[in-house]
Amino acid sequence: MSYAAFRSIGSYIPDEVRGNDWFVERMDTSDEWITKRTGISERRIAAKDQNTSDLGYEAAKIAIQRANIQTSDIDLIVCATISPDYYCMPSTACLIAEKLGIKDVMALDISAACTGFVYSLSVAKAFIESGMKKNVLIIGAEKLSSIVDYTDRTTCMLFGDGAGAAIISSTQNKDEAIIDVQCSADGSLKDLLLTPGVTSDEAMYMQMKGNETFKIAVRTLTSDVQKIMEKNNYKNEDIDLFIPHQANYRIIKAVGDALKFKDEQKVLTVHKYGNTSSASIPMAMNECYEDGRLKAGDTMLLDAFGGGLTWGSALVKFSPNNN
């Protein structure tokens, strides 16, 4: 039987650092207020001539190189994004494939907001375990600065740009395999977090009902982790790194405290990058890898919640390909 192994991680972080002072100069707020409410001090902003596909391409190159494979080995590309280069088509995955020089390979986008990377992981796992694909490139890439209303105090301070990518490959060794991925959605809560589209006269900027979203996020994320841990007979001490979606420090802290994870297990990058939606988990994971905190054989617990509403969790062994 074929299993899906998480072989590599890579990310791309834009050069521009936008600190809280940028917002203080433009609206009625303060560094203290932003930090207290969100835990965010800085976020990265892509250049005007950089598109989401450019960010994803840079992250993908690193992930491919670290997986010790060639672009010709990739037989599926999945890109999670809510800030695509084009409206509806062509997909950002197709554009990244072109930049990588990959042709005649299936490429598709996933729209699951902040849960996009976990959804992509689930798709990759299913394709590999079915025997249909052998090496899947998954990407979470966002240029959220392109869909943020910088006069809306409830959203504009939260979001940043960036990308993360991973290679998921077929293995016969069950000990290397991704343990489990579970994803869910509830469209009845669509109005809490959305971007207006063709049926609306409003500008296509993100809108969020912050207080309601916060409460549901904490409850849902906590419950989802408990379910996947119980299902797979995992306990807290079995987890090396808990990598939640980096939305807001208060959410991360509330969920981490409720689940009773130790500080050394929690991964926190929201203070440096803000909320990068589908890119936040792979960006945080890549930072752990580059810092030496993520090592071969480690077990990661991923947890995300986003517009849709969508949510998902994953138990993942890090199994780099050292061949």
C-alpha atoms as a PDB file:
ATOM      1  CA  MET A   1       0.000   0.000   0.000  1.00  0.00           C
ATOM      2  CA  SER A   2       1.130   3.554  -0.745  1.00  0.00           C
ATOM      3  CA  TYR A   3       1.318   6.071   2.067  1.00  0.00           C
ATOM      4  CA  ALA A   4       1.786   9.833   1.906  1.00  0.00           C
ATOM      5  CA  ALA A   5       4.999  11.239   3.402  1.00  0.00           C
ATOM      6  CA  PHE A   6       5.676  14.901   4.208  1.00  0.00           C
ATOM      7  CA  ARG A   7       9.094  15.272   2.553  1.00  0.00           C
ATOM      8  CA  SER A   8      10.017  18.958   2.641  1.00  0.00           C
ATOM      9  CA  ILE A   9       9.007  22.498   3.528  1.00  0.00           C
ATOM     10  CA  GLY A  10       9.956  25.890   2.121  1.00  0.00           C
ATOM     11  CA  SER A  11       8.694  29.451   2.286  1.00  0.00           C
ATOM     12  CA  TYR A  12       9.076  32.893   0.783  1.00  0.00           C
ATOM     13  CA  ILE A  13       8.779  36.068   2.841  1.00  0.00           C
ATOM     14  CA  PRO A  14       8.543  39.457   1.060  1.00  0.00           C
ATOM     15  CA  ASP A  15      11.130  42.121   1.824  1.00  0.00           C
ATOM     16  CA  GLU A  16       8.953  45.009   3.020  1.00  0.00           C
ATOM     17  CA  VAL A  17       8.345  45.052   6.763  1.00  0.00           C
ATOM     18  CA  ARG A  18       5.220  47.008   7.720  1.00  0.00           C
ATOM     19  CA  GLY A  19       5.231  47.758  11.433  1.00  0.00           C
ATOM     20  CA  ASN A  20       2.398  49.037  13.584  1.00  0.00           C
ATOM     21  CA  ASP A  21       3.658  52.603  13.219  1.00  0.00           C
ATOM     22  CA  TRP A  22       2.495  52.545   9.594  1.00  0.00           C
ATOM     23  CA  PHE A  23      -1.096  52.194  10.806  1.00  0.00           C
ATOM     24  CA  VAL A  24      -0.687  54.655  13.668  1.00  0.00           C
ATOM     25  CA  GLU A  25       0.269  57.333  11.136  1.00  0.00           C
ATOM     26  CA  ARG A  26      -2.834  56.705   9.038  1.00  0.00           C
ATOM     27  CA  MET A  27      -5.699  56.040  11.456  1.00  0.00           C
ATOM     28  CA  ASP A  28      -6.909  56.392  15.026  1.00  0.00           C
ATOM     29  CA  THR A  29      -4.981  53.595  16.710  1.00  0.00           C
ATOM     30  CA  SER A  30      -1.798  52.903  18.668  1.00  0.00           C
ATOM     31  CA  ASP A  31       0.947  50.307  18.733  1.00  0.00           C
ATOM     32  CA  GLU A  32      -0.225  49.285  22.207  1.00  0.00           C
ATOM     33  CA  TRP A  33      -3.819  48.756  21.021  1.00  0.00           C
ATOM     34  CA  ILE A  34      -2.795  46.673  18.000  1.00  0.00           C
ATOM     35  CA  THR A  35      -0.355  44.553  19.983  1.00  0.00           C
ATOM     36  CA  LYS A  36      -2.798  43.956  22.824  1.00  0.00           C
ATOM     37  CA  ARG A  37      -5.678  43.001  20.525  1.00  0.00           C
ATOM     38  CA  THR A  38      -3.760  40.911  17.991  1.00  0.00           C
ATOM     39  CA  GLY A  39      -0.222  40.196  19.172  1.00  0.00           C
ATOM     40  CA  ILE A  40       1.029  41.510  15.821  1.00  0.00           C
ATOM     41  CA  SER A  41       4.002  43.878  15.646  1.00  0.00           C
ATOM     42  CA  GLU A  42       4.951  43.476  11.987  1.00  0.00           C
ATOM     43  CA  ARG A  43       3.707  41.992   8.761  1.00  0.00           C
ATOM     44  CA  ARG A  44       5.393  41.528   5.365  1.00  0.00           C
ATOM     45  CA  ILE A  45       4.073  43.208   2.232  1.00  0.00           C
ATOM     46  CA  ALA A  46       4.760  42.058  -1.316  1.00  0.00           C
ATOM     47  CA  ALA A  47       6.079  44.523  -3.892  1.00  0.00           C
ATOM     48  CA  LYS A  48       3.600  46.036  -6.346  1.00  0.00           C
ATOM     49  CA  ASP A  49       5.035  43.981  -9.190  1.00  0.00           C
ATOM     50  CA  GLN A  50       4.884  40.728  -7.198  1.00  0.00           C
ATOM     51  CA  ASN A  51       1.818  38.528  -7.615  1.00  0.00           C
ATOM     52  CA  THR A  52       0.635  35.639  -5.486  1.00  0.00           C
ATOM     53  CA  SER A  53       2.027  33.178  -8.035  1.00  0.00           C
ATOM     54  CA  ASP A  54       5.458  34.815  -7.728  1.00  0.00           C
ATOM     55  CA  LEU A  55       5.430  34.261  -3.965  1.00  0.00           C
ATOM     56  CA  GLY A  56       4.266  30.671  -4.365  1.00  0.00           C
ATOM     57  CA  TYR A  57       6.880  29.991  -7.040  1.00  0.00           C
ATOM     58  CA  GLU A  58       9.727  31.112  -4.787  1.00  0.00           C
ATOM     59  CA  ALA A  59       8.507  28.913  -1.915  1.00  0.00           C
ATOM     60  CA  ALA A  60       7.970  25.968  -4.266  1.00  0.00           C
ATOM     61  CA  LYS A  61      11.540  26.109  -5.593  1.00  0.00           C
ATOM     62  CA  ILE A  62      12.891  25.719  -2.069  1.00  0.00           C
ATOM     63  CA  ALA A  63      10.541  22.847  -1.206  1.00  0.00           C
ATOM     64  CA  ILE A  64      11.446  20.981  -4.399  1.00  0.00           C
ATOM     65  CA  GLN A  65      15.175  21.400  -3.819  1.00  0.00           C
ATOM     66  CA  ARG A  66      14.923  20.228  -0.212  1.00  0.00           C
ATOM     67  CA  ALA A  67      12.911  17.155  -1.244  1.00  0.00           C
ATOM     68  CA  ASN A  68      15.769  16.042  -3.532  1.00  0.00           C
ATOM     69  CA  ILE A  69      13.459  15.667  -6.509  1.00  0.00           C
ATOM     70  CA  GLN A  70      13.216  17.283  -9.957  1.00  0.00           C
ATOM     71  CA  THR A  71      10.323  19.316 -11.271  1.00  0.00           C
ATOM     72  CA  SER A  72       9.770  16.465 -13.741  1.00  0.00           C
ATOM     73  CA  ASP A  73       8.930  14.195 -10.781  1.00  0.00           C
ATOM     74  CA  ILE A  74       5.918  16.315  -9.748  1.00  0.00           C
ATOM     75  CA  ASP A  75       2.595  14.981 -10.987  1.00  0.00           C
ATOM     76  CA  LEU A  76       0.126  17.249  -9.153  1.00  0.00           C
ATOM     77  CA  ILE A  77       0.207  20.891  -8.024  1.00  0.00           C
ATOM     78  CA  VAL A  78      -2.313  22.218  -5.505  1.00  0.00           C
ATOM     79  CA  CYS A  79      -2.311  25.884  -4.519  1.00  0.00           C
ATOM     80  CA  ALA A  80      -4.419  27.234  -1.675  1.00  0.00           C
ATOM     81  CA  THR A  81      -5.146  30.958  -1.937  1.00  0.00           C
ATOM     82  CA  ILE A  82      -7.860  33.596  -1.496  1.00  0.00           C
ATOM     83  CA  SER A  83      -5.829  36.264  -3.289  1.00  0.00           C
ATOM     84  CA  PRO A  84      -5.200  34.757  -6.740  1.00  0.00           C
ATOM     85  CA  ASP A  85      -3.454  36.572  -9.570  1.00  0.00           C
ATOM     86  CA  TYR A  86      -6.616  36.412 -11.670  1.00  0.00           C
ATOM     87  CA  TYR A  87     -10.288  36.405 -10.799  1.00  0.00           C
ATOM     88  CA  CYS A  88     -11.537  32.820 -11.304  1.00  0.00           C
ATOM     89  CA  MET A  89      -9.103  31.819 -14.061  1.00  0.00           C
ATOM     90  CA  PRO A  90      -6.402  30.901 -14.801  1.00  0.00           C
ATOM     91  CA  SER A  91      -5.661  29.271 -11.483  1.00  0.00           C
ATOM     92  CA  THR A  92      -2.650  30.364  -9.485  1.00  0.00           C
ATOM     93  CA  ALA A  93      -1.482  26.725  -9.525  1.00  0.00           C
ATOM     94  CA  CYS A  94      -1.340  26.846 -13.339  1.00  0.00           C
ATOM     95  CA  LEU A  95       0.739  30.019 -13.200  1.00  0.00           C
ATOM     96  CA  ILE A  96       3.160  28.503 -10.689  1.00  0.00           C
ATOM     97  CA  ALA A  97       3.448  25.399 -12.865  1.00  0.00           C
ATOM     98  CA  GLU A  98       4.382  27.604 -15.809  1.00  0.00           C
ATOM     99  CA  LYS A  99       7.015  29.454 -13.787  1.00  0.00           C
ATOM    100  CA  LEU A 100       8.485  26.094 -12.699  1.00  0.00           C
ATOM    101  CA  GLY A 101       8.521  24.837 -16.301  1.00  0.00           C
ATOM    102  CA  ILE A 102       6.038  22.056 -15.519  1.00  0.00           C
ATOM    103  CA  LYS A 103       3.642  21.086 -18.329  1.00  0.00           C
ATOM    104  CA  ASP A 104       1.015  18.398 -18.840  1.00  0.00           C
ATOM    105  CA  VAL A 105       0.504  18.023 -15.081  1.00  0.00           C
ATOM    106  CA  MET A 106      -2.738  18.509 -13.177  1.00  0.00           C
ATOM    107  CA  ALA A 107      -2.800  21.872 -11.366  1.00  0.00           C
ATOM    108  CA  LEU A 108      -5.646  23.335  -9.316  1.00  0.00           C
ATOM    109  CA  ASP A 109      -6.475  25.964  -6.723  1.00  0.00           C
ATOM    110  CA  ILE A 110      -8.270  25.414  -3.423  1.00  0.00           C
ATOM    111  CA  SER A 111     -10.369  28.154  -1.848  1.00  0.00           C
ATOM    112  CA  ALA A 112     -10.637  27.294   1.839  1.00  0.00           C
ATOM    113  CA  ALA A 113      -9.273  30.559   3.255  1.00  0.00           C
ATOM    114  CA  CYS A 114      -7.002  30.082   6.278  1.00  0.00           C
ATOM    115  CA  THR A 115      -7.602  26.317   6.269  1.00  0.00           C
ATOM    116  CA  GLY A 116      -6.301  26.060   2.706  1.00  0.00           C
ATOM    117  CA  PHE A 117      -2.982  24.403   3.485  1.00  0.00           C
ATOM    118  CA  VAL A 118      -4.623  21.689   5.602  1.00  0.00           C
ATOM    119  CA  TYR A 119      -7.213  21.120   2.839  1.00  0.00           C
ATOM    120  CA  SER A 120      -4.360  20.851   0.305  1.00  0.00           C
ATOM    121  CA  LEU A 121      -2.601  18.328   2.528  1.00  0.00           C
ATOM    122  CA  SER A 122      -5.785  16.255   2.629  1.00  0.00           C
ATOM    123  CA  VAL A 123      -6.068  16.316  -1.178  1.00  0.00           C
ATOM    124  CA  ALA A 124      -2.429  15.318  -1.615  1.00  0.00           C
ATOM    125  CA  LYS A 125      -2.767  12.472   0.869  1.00  0.00           C
ATOM    126  CA  ALA A 126      -5.858  11.133  -0.898  1.00  0.00           C
ATOM    127  CA  PHE A 127      -4.294  11.254  -4.371  1.00  0.00           C
ATOM    128  CA  ILE A 128      -1.153   9.486  -3.184  1.00  0.00           C
ATOM    129  CA  GLU A 129      -2.897   6.809  -1.134  1.00  0.00           C
ATOM    130  CA  SER A 130      -5.191   6.043  -4.093  1.00  0.00           C
ATOM    131  CA  GLY A 131      -2.106   5.388  -6.214  1.00  0.00           C
ATOM    132  CA  MET A 132      -2.998   8.138  -8.697  1.00  0.00           C
ATOM    133  CA  LYS A 133      -0.044  10.422  -7.889  1.00  0.00           C
ATOM    134  CA  LYS A 134       3.472  10.020  -6.479  1.00  0.00           C
ATOM    135  CA  ASN A 135       4.859  13.532  -5.822  1.00  0.00           C
ATOM    136  CA  VAL A 136       2.484  16.364  -4.998  1.00  0.00           C
ATOM    137  CA  LEU A 137       3.524  19.992  -4.626  1.00  0.00           C
ATOM    138  CA  ILE A 138       1.210  21.834  -2.231  1.00  0.00           C
ATOM    139  CA  ILE A 139       1.400  25.595  -1.793  1.00  0.00           C
ATOM    140  CA  GLY A 140      -0.234  28.178   0.434  1.00  0.00           C
ATOM    141  CA  ALA A 141       0.341  31.608  -1.098  1.00  0.00           C
ATOM    142  CA  GLU A 142      -1.253  34.958  -0.357  1.00  0.00           C
ATOM    143  CA  LYS A 143      -0.944  38.597  -1.367  1.00  0.00           C
ATOM    144  CA  LEU A 144      -3.592  39.696   1.104  1.00  0.00           C
ATOM    145  CA  SER A 145      -2.482  43.308   0.843  1.00  0.00           C
ATOM    146  CA  SER A 146      -4.281  43.284  -2.523  1.00  0.00           C
ATOM    147  CA  ILE A 147      -7.674  42.504  -0.943  1.00  0.00           C
ATOM    148  CA  VAL A 148      -7.407  44.504   2.290  1.00  0.00           C
ATOM    149  CA  ASP A 149      -9.234  47.818   2.743  1.00  0.00           C
ATOM    150  CA  TYR A 150      -6.655  50.011   4.449  1.00  0.00           C
ATOM    151  CA  THR A 151      -9.397  52.251   5.831  1.00  0.00           C
ATOM    152  CA  ASP A 152     -11.091  49.352   7.649  1.00  0.00           C
ATOM    153  CA  ARG A 153      -9.627  49.260  11.139  1.00  0.00           C
ATOM    154  CA  THR A 154     -11.224  45.889  11.920  1.00  0.00           C
ATOM    155  CA  THR A 155      -9.205  44.009   9.276  1.00  0.00           C
ATOM    156  CA  CYS A 156      -6.323  45.978   7.748  1.00  0.00           C
ATOM    157  CA  MET A 157      -3.870  45.546  10.630  1.00  0.00           C
ATOM    158  CA  LEU A 158      -4.258  41.781  10.744  1.00  0.00           C
ATOM    159  CA  PHE A 159      -3.013  40.607   7.377  1.00  0.00           C
ATOM    160  CA  GLY A 160       0.299  40.159   5.594  1.00  0.00           C
ATOM    161  CA  ASP A 161       1.755  38.510   2.504  1.00  0.00           C
ATOM    162  CA  GLY A 162       3.857  35.395   2.035  1.00  0.00           C
ATOM    163  CA  ALA A 163       3.958  31.811   0.818  1.00  0.00           C
ATOM    164  CA  GLY A 164       4.855  28.315   1.966  1.00  0.00           C
ATOM    165  CA  ALA A 165       5.182  25.066   0.045  1.00  0.00           C
ATOM    166  CA  ALA A 166       5.732  21.386   0.691  1.00  0.00           C
ATOM    167  CA  ILE A 167       6.347  18.169  -1.199  1.00  0.00           C
ATOM    168  CA  ILE A 168       4.165  15.188  -0.284  1.00  0.00           C
ATOM    169  CA  SER A 169       5.431  11.923  -1.770  1.00  0.00           C
ATOM    170  CA  SER A 170       4.505   8.281  -1.970  1.00  0.00           C
ATOM    171  CA  THR A 171       6.199   5.842   0.411  1.00  0.00           C
ATOM    172  CA  GLN A 172       5.801   2.191   1.302  1.00  0.00           C
ATOM    173  CA  ASN A 173       7.038   2.849   4.833  1.00  0.00           C
ATOM    174  CA  LYS A 174       4.075   3.421   7.147  1.00  0.00           C
ATOM    175  CA  ASP A 175       6.367   4.893   9.811  1.00  0.00           C
ATOM    176  CA  GLU A 176       7.015   7.860   7.477  1.00  0.00           C
ATOM    177  CA  ALA A 177       3.358   8.457   6.703  1.00  0.00           C
ATOM    178  CA  ILE A 178       1.087  11.388   7.428  1.00  0.00           C
ATOM    179  CA  ILE A 179      -0.993  10.046  10.298  1.00  0.00           C
ATOM    180  CA  ASP A 180      -4.339  11.740   9.702  1.00  0.00           C
ATOM    181  CA  VAL A 181      -6.004  14.815   8.213  1.00  0.00           C
ATOM    182  CA  GLN A 182      -9.563  15.905   8.925  1.00  0.00           C
ATOM    183  CA  CYS A 183     -11.337  18.859   7.300  1.00  0.00           C
ATOM    184  CA  SER A 184     -14.821  20.327   7.724  1.00  0.00           C
ATOM    185  CA  ALA A 185     -16.967  23.298   6.726  1.00  0.00           C
ATOM    186  CA  ASP A 186     -20.185  25.098   7.629  1.00  0.00           C
ATOM    187  CA  GLY A 187     -21.558  27.444   4.970  1.00  0.00           C
ATOM    188  CA  SER A 188     -24.294  28.739   7.261  1.00  0.00           C
ATOM    189  CA  LEU A 189     -21.621  30.886   8.940  1.00  0.00           C
ATOM    190  CA  LYS A 190     -20.441  32.452   5.671  1.00  0.00           C
ATOM    191  CA  ASP A 191     -21.255  36.016   6.729  1.00  0.00           C
ATOM    192  CA  LEU A 192     -18.673  36.082   9.510  1.00  0.00           C
ATOM    193  CA  LEU A 193     -15.690  36.284   7.177  1.00  0.00           C
ATOM    194  CA  LEU A 194     -16.001  37.015   3.471  1.00  0.00           C
ATOM    195  CA  THR A 195     -14.875  38.876   0.377  1.00  0.00           C
ATOM    196  CA  PRO A 196     -17.733  40.332  -1.738  1.00  0.00           C
ATOM    197  CA  GLY A 197     -17.904  39.074  -5.310  1.00  0.00           C
ATOM    198  CA  VAL A 198     -19.855  39.438  -8.543  1.00  0.00           C
ATOM    199  CA  THR A 199     -23.244  39.531  -6.804  1.00  0.00           C
ATOM    200  CA  SER A 200     -22.274  42.573  -4.730  1.00  0.00           C
ATOM    201  CA  ASP A 201     -21.782  46.253  -5.496  1.00  0.00           C
ATOM    202  CA  GLU A 202     -19.180  46.424  -2.719  1.00  0.00           C
ATOM    203  CA  ALA A 203     -15.451  46.568  -3.361  1.00  0.00           C
ATOM    204  CA  MET A 204     -13.726  43.189  -3.228  1.00  0.00           C
ATOM    205  CA  TYR A 205     -12.096  43.677   0.163  1.00  0.00           C
ATOM    206  CA  MET A 206     -12.143  41.252   3.073  1.00  0.00           C
ATOM    207  CA  GLN A 207     -14.845  41.798   5.677  1.00  0.00           C
ATOM    208  CA  MET A 208     -14.948  40.207   9.114  1.00  0.00           C
ATOM    209  CA  LYS A 209     -17.161  40.167  12.178  1.00  0.00           C
ATOM    210  CA  GLY A 210     -14.300  39.938  14.624  1.00  0.00           C
ATOM    211  CA  ASN A 211     -15.931  39.147  17.957  1.00  0.00           C
ATOM    212  CA  GLU A 212     -18.187  36.412  16.598  1.00  0.00           C
ATOM    213  CA  THR A 213     -15.355  34.887  14.585  1.00  0.00           C
ATOM    214  CA  PHE A 214     -13.037  34.882  17.606  1.00  0.00           C
ATOM    215  CA  LYS A 215     -15.491  32.947  19.787  1.00  0.00           C
ATOM    216  CA  ILE A 216     -16.307  30.333  17.157  1.00  0.00           C
ATOM    217  CA  ALA A 217     -12.638  29.952  16.174  1.00  0.00           C
ATOM    218  CA  VAL A 218     -11.483  29.184  19.710  1.00  0.00           C
ATOM    219  CA  ARG A 219     -14.276  26.685  20.303  1.00  0.00           C
ATOM    220  CA  THR A 220     -13.930  24.980  16.911  1.00  0.00           C
ATOM    221  CA  LEU A 221     -10.137  24.763  16.872  1.00  0.00           C
ATOM    222  CA  THR A 222     -10.036  23.288  20.367  1.00  0.00           C
ATOM    223  CA  SER A 223     -12.734  20.731  19.603  1.00  0.00           C
ATOM    224  CA  ASP A 224     -11.157  19.725  16.293  1.00  0.00           C
ATOM    225  CA  VAL A 225      -7.780  19.010  17.895  1.00  0.00           C
ATOM    226  CA  GLN A 226      -9.401  16.973  20.633  1.00  0.00           C
ATOM    227  CA  LYS A 227     -11.215  14.874  18.029  1.00  0.00           C
ATOM    228  CA  ILE A 228      -8.170  14.066  15.899  1.00  0.00           C
ATOM    229  CA  MET A 229      -6.051  13.305  18.972  1.00  0.00           C
ATOM    230  CA  GLU A 230      -8.666  10.962  20.445  1.00  0.00           C
ATOM    231  CA  LYS A 231      -9.313   9.281  17.091  1.00  0.00           C
ATOM    232  CA  ASN A 232      -5.635   8.419  16.695  1.00  0.00           C
ATOM    233  CA  ASN A 233      -4.910   7.702  20.387  1.00  0.00           C
ATOM    234  CA  TYR A 234      -2.437  10.568  20.653  1.00  0.00           C
ATOM    235  CA  LYS A 235      -1.667  12.461  23.828  1.00  0.00           C
ATOM    236  CA  ASN A 236      -0.071  15.877  24.289  1.00  0.00           C
ATOM    237  CA  GLU A 237       3.318  14.369  25.053  1.00  0.00           C
ATOM    238  CA  ASP A 238       3.274  12.648  21.635  1.00  0.00           C
ATOM    239  CA  ILE A 239       3.331  16.034  19.868  1.00  0.00           C
ATOM    240  CA  ASP A 240       6.665  17.712  19.158  1.00  0.00           C
ATOM    241  CA  LEU A 241       5.256  20.872  17.568  1.00  0.00           C
ATOM    242  CA  PHE A 242       1.764  22.334  17.720  1.00  0.00           C
ATOM    243  CA  ILE A 243       1.512  24.619  14.668  1.00  0.00           C
ATOM    244  CA  PRO A 244      -1.828  26.444  14.607  1.00  0.00           C
ATOM    245  CA  HIS A 245      -2.957  28.917  11.970  1.00  0.00           C
ATOM    246  CA  GLN A 246      -1.354  32.244  12.875  1.00  0.00           C
ATOM    247  CA  ALA A 247      -4.464  34.439  12.957  1.00  0.00           C
ATOM    248  CA  ASN A 248      -4.313  36.279  16.238  1.00  0.00           C
ATOM    249  CA  TYR A 249      -2.235  35.777  19.380  1.00  0.00           C
ATOM    250  CA  ARG A 250      -5.320  35.746  21.614  1.00  0.00           C
ATOM    251  CA  ILE A 251      -6.863  32.890  19.622  1.00  0.00           C
ATOM    252  CA  ILE A 252      -3.610  30.897  19.620  1.00  0.00           C
ATOM    253  CA  LYS A 253      -3.156  31.400  23.363  1.00  0.00           C
ATOM    254  CA  ALA A 254      -6.768  30.502  24.188  1.00  0.00           C
ATOM    255  CA  VAL A 255      -6.606  27.297  22.119  1.00  0.00           C
ATOM    256  CA  GLY A 256      -3.133  26.363  23.397  1.00  0.00           C
ATOM    257  CA  ASP A 257      -4.186  26.894  27.012  1.00  0.00           C
ATOM    258  CA  ALA A 258      -7.397  24.923  26.563  1.00  0.00           C
ATOM    259  CA  LEU A 259      -5.442  22.015  25.074  1.00  0.00           C
ATOM    260  CA  LYS A 260      -2.732  22.305  27.769  1.00  0.00           C
ATOM    261  CA  PHE A 261       0.250  22.324  25.418  1.00  0.00           C
ATOM    262  CA  LYS A 262       3.574  23.444  26.851  1.00  0.00           C
ATOM    263  CA  ASP A 263       5.206  26.618  25.577  1.00  0.00           C
ATOM    264  CA  GLU A 264       8.034  24.651  23.993  1.00  0.00           C
ATOM    265  CA  GLN A 265       5.492  22.733  21.883  1.00  0.00           C
ATOM    266  CA  LYS A 266       3.686  25.820  20.567  1.00  0.00           C
ATOM    267  CA  VAL A 267       4.805  27.606  17.414  1.00  0.00           C
ATOM    268  CA  LEU A 268       4.175  31.349  17.245  1.00  0.00           C
ATOM    269  CA  THR A 269       5.026  33.609  14.306  1.00  0.00           C
ATOM    270  CA  VAL A 270       1.980  35.899  14.130  1.00  0.00           C
ATOM    271  CA  HIS A 271       3.915  38.733  15.796  1.00  0.00           C
ATOM    272  CA  LYS A 272       6.317  38.887  12.831  1.00  0.00           C
ATOM    273  CA  TYR A 273       4.118  38.090   9.846  1.00  0.00           C
ATOM    274  CA  GLY A 274       0.517  38.754  10.863  1.00  0.00           C
ATOM    275  CA  ASN A 275      -2.219  36.569   9.420  1.00  0.00           C
ATOM    276  CA  THR A 276      -1.092  35.200   6.046  1.00  0.00           C
ATOM    277  CA  SER A 277      -4.141  32.935   5.649  1.00  0.00           C
ATOM    278  CA  SER A 278      -3.283  29.714   3.776  1.00  0.00           C
ATOM    279  CA  ALA A 279       0.441  30.547   3.944  1.00  0.00           C
ATOM    280  CA  SER A 280       0.625  30.895   7.722  1.00  0.00           C
ATOM    281  CA  ILE A 281       1.073  27.234   8.712  1.00  0.00           C
ATOM    282  CA  PRO A 282       3.754  26.389   6.116  1.00  0.00           C
ATOM    283  CA  MET A 283       5.572  29.672   6.833  1.00  0.00           C
ATOM    284  CA  ALA A 284       5.617  28.848  10.552  1.00  0.00           C
ATOM    285  CA  MET A 285       6.690  25.283   9.834  1.00  0.00           C
ATOM    286  CA  ASN A 286       9.518  26.470   7.606  1.00  0.00           C
ATOM    287  CA  GLU A 287      10.776  28.793  10.329  1.00  0.00           C
ATOM    288  CA  CYS A 288      10.917  25.844  12.721  1.00  0.00           C
ATOM    289  CA  TYR A 289      12.824  23.824  10.120  1.00  0.00           C
ATOM    290  CA  GLU A 290      15.374  26.560   9.446  1.00  0.00           C
ATOM    291  CA  ASP A 291      15.846  27.160  13.182  1.00  0.00           C
ATOM    292  CA  GLY A 292      16.520  23.457  13.772  1.00  0.00           C
ATOM    293  CA  ARG A 293      13.379  23.110  15.859  1.00  0.00           C
ATOM    294  CA  LEU A 294      11.718  20.749  13.345  1.00  0.00           C
ATOM    295  CA  LYS A 295      13.677  17.545  12.879  1.00  0.00           C
ATOM    296  CA  ALA A 296      13.263  14.294  10.980  1.00  0.00           C
ATOM    297  CA  GLY A 297      10.767  12.020  12.702  1.00  0.00           C
ATOM    298  CA  ASP A 298       9.047  14.820  14.626  1.00  0.00           C
ATOM    299  CA  THR A 299       5.281  14.764  14.935  1.00  0.00           C
ATOM    300  CA  MET A 300       3.469  17.993  14.076  1.00  0.00           C
ATOM    301  CA  LEU A 301      -0.093  18.888  14.964  1.00  0.00           C
ATOM    302  CA  LEU A 302      -1.612  21.403  12.531  1.00  0.00           C
ATOM    303  CA  ASP A 303      -4.837  23.272  13.258  1.00  0.00           C
ATOM    304  CA  ALA A 304      -6.604  25.922  11.145  1.00  0.00           C
ATOM    305  CA  PHE A 305      -9.847  27.862  10.872  1.00  0.00           C
ATOM    306  CA  GLY A 306     -10.988  30.221   8.120  1.00  0.00           C
ATOM    307  CA  GLY A 307     -13.709  31.812   6.032  1.00  0.00           C
ATOM    308  CA  GLY A 308     -16.395  29.546   4.671  1.00  0.00           C
ATOM    309  CA  LEU A 309     -16.407  28.710   7.464  1.00  0.00           C
ATOM    310  CA  THR A 310     -13.778  26.006   7.124  1.00  0.00           C
ATOM    311  CA  TRP A 311     -11.563  24.244   9.619  1.00  0.00           C
ATOM    312  CA  GLY A 312      -9.183  21.327   9.770  1.00  0.00           C
ATOM    313  CA  SER A 313      -6.468  19.522  11.707  1.00  0.00           C
ATOM    314  CA  ALA A 314      -3.640  17.190  10.788  1.00  0.00           C
ATOM    315  CA  LEU A 315      -1.207  14.856  12.544  1.00  0.00           C
ATOM    316  CA  VAL A 316       1.940  14.804  10.439  1.00  0.00           C
ATOM    317  CA  LYS A 317       5.281  13.024  10.695  1.00  0.00           C
ATOM    318  CA  PHE A 318       8.123  15.050   9.214  1.00  0.00           C
ATOM    319  CA  SER A 319       9.880  12.586   6.922  1.00  0.00           C
ATOM    320  CA  PRO A 320      12.523  14.363   4.828  1.00  0.00           C
ATOM    321  CA  ASN A 321      13.934  12.461   1.877  1.00  0.00           C
ATOM    322  CA  ASN A 322      17.640  11.994   2.532  1.00  0.00           C
ATOM    323  CA  ASN A 323      18.314   9.764  -0.452  1.00  0.00           C
END
